[in-house]
């Protein structure tokens, strides 16, 4: 594992791969907006993913705007996305369960305090 990959948040890594698989022509600015991270953060992440071979970038020769890139997942990137998806879902389910438990406890406490006050 490269040093750059160790610094990429696994959720961001997953979300970048997921978004680019769906829309490979997203700009870095659009990715930043959708991910809620800085443009510099997206640039760093994309460079790291290119370096480790999860995505490749190319521009269209016929496109007059040479700054427009197409980000494609490589076979290695597709395999990594599958692994990241599993981890992402496990983390989100654990967060959901913890949040649900907290909400249930607060609701239970609120119900108890309403009945305790004679209301």
Protein backbone atom coordinates (compact mmCIF):
# COMPACT_ATOMS: atom_id res chain seq x y z
CA UNK A 1 0.00 0.00 0.00
CA UNK A 2 1.40 3.38 -0.94
CA UNK A 3 1.89 6.22 1.49
CA UNK A 4 -0.67 8.34 -0.41
CA UNK A 5 -3.38 5.70 -0.10
CA UNK A 6 -2.90 5.47 3.67
CA UNK A 7 -3.93 9.14 3.91
CA UNK A 8 -7.13 8.82 1.87
CA UNK A 9 -10.21 8.37 4.03
CA UNK A 10 -11.80 5.02 3.05
CA UNK A 11 -15.24 6.65 2.76
CA UNK A 12 -13.87 9.33 0.41
CA UNK A 13 -11.98 6.66 -1.55
CA UNK A 14 -15.21 4.67 -1.94
CA UNK A 15 -17.32 7.70 -2.82
CA UNK A 16 -14.84 8.92 -5.45
CA UNK A 17 -14.74 5.51 -7.11
CA UNK A 18 -18.52 5.22 -6.90
CA UNK A 19 -19.14 8.66 -8.42
CA UNK A 20 -16.59 8.20 -11.19
CA UNK A 21 -17.97 4.79 -12.10
CA UNK A 22 -21.40 6.41 -12.51
CA UNK A 23 -20.18 9.62 -14.18
CA UNK A 24 -16.59 9.40 -15.45
CA UNK A 25 -16.71 12.88 -16.96
CA UNK A 26 -17.23 14.73 -13.67
CA UNK A 27 -14.84 17.61 -13.19
CA UNK A 28 -12.74 17.92 -10.07
CA UNK A 29 -14.87 20.88 -9.04
CA UNK A 30 -18.07 18.82 -9.42
CA UNK A 31 -16.53 15.98 -7.44
CA UNK A 32 -15.54 18.40 -4.67
CA UNK A 33 -19.08 19.78 -4.49
CA UNK A 34 -20.68 16.33 -4.39
CA UNK A 35 -18.23 15.01 -1.82
CA UNK A 36 -18.27 18.13 0.33
CA UNK A 37 -14.49 18.39 0.33
CA UNK A 38 -12.05 20.96 -1.01
CA UNK A 39 -10.92 21.05 -4.61
CA UNK A 40 -7.36 20.48 -3.40
CA UNK A 41 -8.53 17.42 -1.47
CA UNK A 42 -10.13 15.99 -4.60
CA UNK A 43 -7.00 16.71 -6.63
CA UNK A 44 -4.83 14.95 -4.02
CA UNK A 45 -7.20 11.98 -3.92
CA UNK A 46 -7.37 11.63 -7.72
CA UNK A 47 -3.58 11.81 -8.05
CA UNK A 48 -3.21 9.11 -5.38
CA UNK A 49 -5.82 6.88 -7.07
CA UNK A 50 -4.08 7.32 -10.41
CA UNK A 51 -0.69 6.53 -8.80
CA UNK A 52 -1.97 3.27 -7.30
CA UNK A 53 -3.78 2.29 -10.49
CA UNK A 54 -7.40 2.52 -9.37
CA UNK A 55 -8.32 5.09 -11.99
CA UNK A 56 -6.84 6.41 -15.19
CA UNK A 57 -7.37 9.87 -16.59
CA UNK A 58 -7.47 10.95 -20.20
CA UNK A 59 -8.86 13.79 -22.21
CA UNK A 60 -10.67 13.65 -25.50
CA UNK A 61 -8.45 14.46 -28.44
CA UNK A 62 -11.35 16.05 -30.32
CA UNK A 63 -12.49 18.18 -27.40
CA UNK A 64 -11.34 21.81 -27.79
CA UNK A 65 -11.24 22.15 -23.98
CA UNK A 66 -8.12 20.15 -23.13
CA UNK A 67 -8.78 20.56 -19.41
CA UNK A 68 -11.78 18.19 -19.60
CA UNK A 69 -10.79 14.74 -18.37
CA UNK A 70 -12.50 11.41 -18.31
CA UNK A 71 -11.74 9.40 -15.16
CA UNK A 72 -12.11 5.68 -15.71
CA UNK A 73 -11.91 2.94 -13.12
CA UNK A 74 -9.32 0.32 -13.92
CA UNK A 75 -9.97 -3.38 -13.29
CA UNK A 76 -7.93 -2.96 -10.09
CA UNK A 77 -10.11 0.04 -9.17
CA UNK A 78 -13.31 -1.93 -9.77
CA UNK A 79 -12.06 -4.72 -7.50
CA UNK A 80 -11.06 -2.19 -4.84
CA UNK A 81 -14.46 -0.51 -5.07
CA UNK A 82 -16.14 -3.84 -4.33
CA UNK A 83 -14.05 -4.24 -1.17
CA UNK A 84 -14.57 -0.62 -0.15
CA UNK A 85 -18.34 -1.01 -0.66
CA UNK A 86 -18.46 -3.79 1.91
CA UNK A 87 -16.49 -1.79 4.46
CA UNK A 88 -18.53 1.35 3.76
CA UNK A 89 -21.81 -0.50 4.33
CA UNK A 90 -20.55 -2.07 7.57
CA UNK A 91 -19.41 1.33 8.91
CA UNK A 92 -22.66 3.04 7.94
CA UNK A 93 -24.78 0.27 9.47
CA UNK A 94 -22.80 0.51 12.71
CA UNK A 95 -23.27 4.31 12.71
CA UNK A 96 -26.99 3.83 12.04
CA UNK A 97 -27.36 1.34 14.90
CA UNK A 98 -25.51 3.64 17.32
CA UNK A 99 -27.58 6.64 16.26
CA UNK A 100 -30.84 4.67 16.50
CA UNK A 101 -29.90 3.51 20.00
CA UNK A 102 -29.16 7.10 21.02
CA UNK A 103 -32.44 8.39 19.54
CA UNK A 104 -34.43 5.60 21.23
CA UNK A 105 -32.81 6.45 24.58
CA UNK A 106 -33.62 10.15 24.21
CA UNK A 107 -37.21 9.41 23.16
CA UNK A 108 -37.63 7.04 26.08
CA UNK A 109 -36.26 9.65 28.48
CA UNK A 110 -38.59 12.31 27.01
CA UNK A 111 -41.62 10.01 27.36
CA UNK A 112 -40.62 9.27 30.94
CA UNK A 113 -40.21 12.92 31.82
CA UNK A 114 -43.62 13.80 30.35
CA UNK A 115 -45.31 11.14 32.42
CA UNK A 116 -43.23 12.02 35.49
CA UNK A 117 -44.43 15.64 35.34
CA UNK A 118 -48.09 14.65 35.38
CA UNK A 119 -48.67 15.58 31.73
